[in-house]
Amino acid sequence: MSGRPAPGPTLAAVNDEYLWITCPECGARAGLLSPPPDAAAIPPGSVLSYRCPDCMERFDFVFGDEPVTD
């Protein structure tokens, strides 16, 4: 993935679900590389990085951005 990081979870939707995403490449479960100690402490605009254990791709998402819809 290159360029601007893709939009990630919004602050209003934060719960334990932000620790995992579905890999956009292969559909496996990708985990957050560095989980913060407290989700409430993640400021909007922070970059959350995920790694997929199956395809080994890394994905960076901007926390607090609205999802892009097609």
Protein backbone atom coordinates (compact mmCIF):
# COMPACT_ATOMS: atom_id res chain seq x y z
CA MET A 1 0.00 0.00 0.00
CA SER A 2 1.46 3.35 -0.93
CA GLY A 3 0.49 6.98 -0.61
CA ARG A 4 -1.86 8.24 2.08
CA PRO A 5 -2.90 5.64 4.64
CA ALA A 6 -6.44 4.31 4.22
CA PRO A 7 -9.14 5.52 6.61
CA GLY A 8 -9.49 3.46 9.75
CA PRO A 9 -11.93 3.07 12.62
CA THR A 10 -13.72 6.18 13.82
CA LEU A 11 -13.34 7.39 17.41
CA ALA A 12 -17.04 6.76 18.06
CA ALA A 13 -16.68 3.11 17.01
CA VAL A 14 -13.66 2.28 19.18
CA ASN A 15 -13.85 -0.88 21.21
CA ASP A 16 -11.89 -4.14 21.20
CA GLU A 17 -12.74 -4.59 17.52
CA TYR A 18 -10.08 -2.04 16.49
CA LEU A 19 -7.41 -4.60 17.52
CA TRP A 20 -8.21 -6.71 14.43
CA ILE A 21 -9.21 -6.06 10.82
CA THR A 22 -10.04 -8.30 7.89
CA CYS A 23 -7.03 -8.26 5.57
CA PRO A 24 -7.94 -6.39 2.36
CA GLU A 25 -5.53 -8.63 0.40
CA CYS A 26 -6.40 -12.18 1.48
CA GLY A 27 -9.33 -11.96 3.92
CA ALA A 28 -7.43 -13.32 6.94
CA ARG A 29 -7.47 -11.70 10.39
CA ALA A 30 -4.77 -9.00 10.64
CA GLY A 31 -3.71 -7.68 14.05
CA LEU A 32 -2.72 -4.27 15.30
CA LEU A 33 1.09 -4.12 15.51
CA SER A 34 1.30 -1.93 18.64
CA PRO A 35 -1.93 -1.93 20.64
CA PRO A 36 -2.22 1.20 22.78
CA PRO A 37 -2.86 0.70 26.49
CA ASP A 38 -6.15 2.62 26.29
CA ALA A 39 -8.28 3.05 23.17
CA ALA A 40 -9.74 6.27 24.58
CA ALA A 41 -6.23 7.76 24.52
CA ILE A 42 -5.82 7.39 20.74
CA PRO A 43 -6.07 10.88 19.28
CA PRO A 44 -7.82 11.29 15.92
CA GLY A 45 -5.26 11.38 13.13
CA SER A 46 -3.06 8.68 14.69
CA VAL A 47 -1.86 5.98 12.31
CA LEU A 48 -2.76 2.41 13.32
CA SER A 49 -0.64 -0.27 11.64
CA TYR A 50 -1.81 -3.84 11.08
CA ARG A 51 0.04 -6.94 9.80
CA CYS A 52 -1.56 -9.99 8.24
CA PRO A 53 0.05 -13.27 9.38
CA ASP A 54 -1.08 -15.09 6.21
CA CYS A 55 0.09 -12.81 3.38
CA MET A 56 2.49 -10.72 5.54
CA GLU A 57 1.13 -7.44 4.15
CA ARG A 58 1.13 -4.34 6.34
CA PHE A 59 -1.76 -1.87 6.35
CA ASP A 60 -1.76 1.63 7.84
CA PHE A 61 -5.05 3.32 8.73
CA VAL A 62 -5.64 6.86 9.95
CA PHE A 63 -7.62 6.68 13.20
CA GLY A 64 -10.69 8.88 13.28
CA ASP A 65 -11.06 9.38 9.52
CA GLU A 66 -14.40 8.55 8.01
CA PRO A 67 -14.45 5.40 5.85
CA VAL A 68 -14.32 5.93 2.09
CA THR A 69 -17.41 4.67 0.31
CA ASP A 70 -17.55 3.83 -3.38
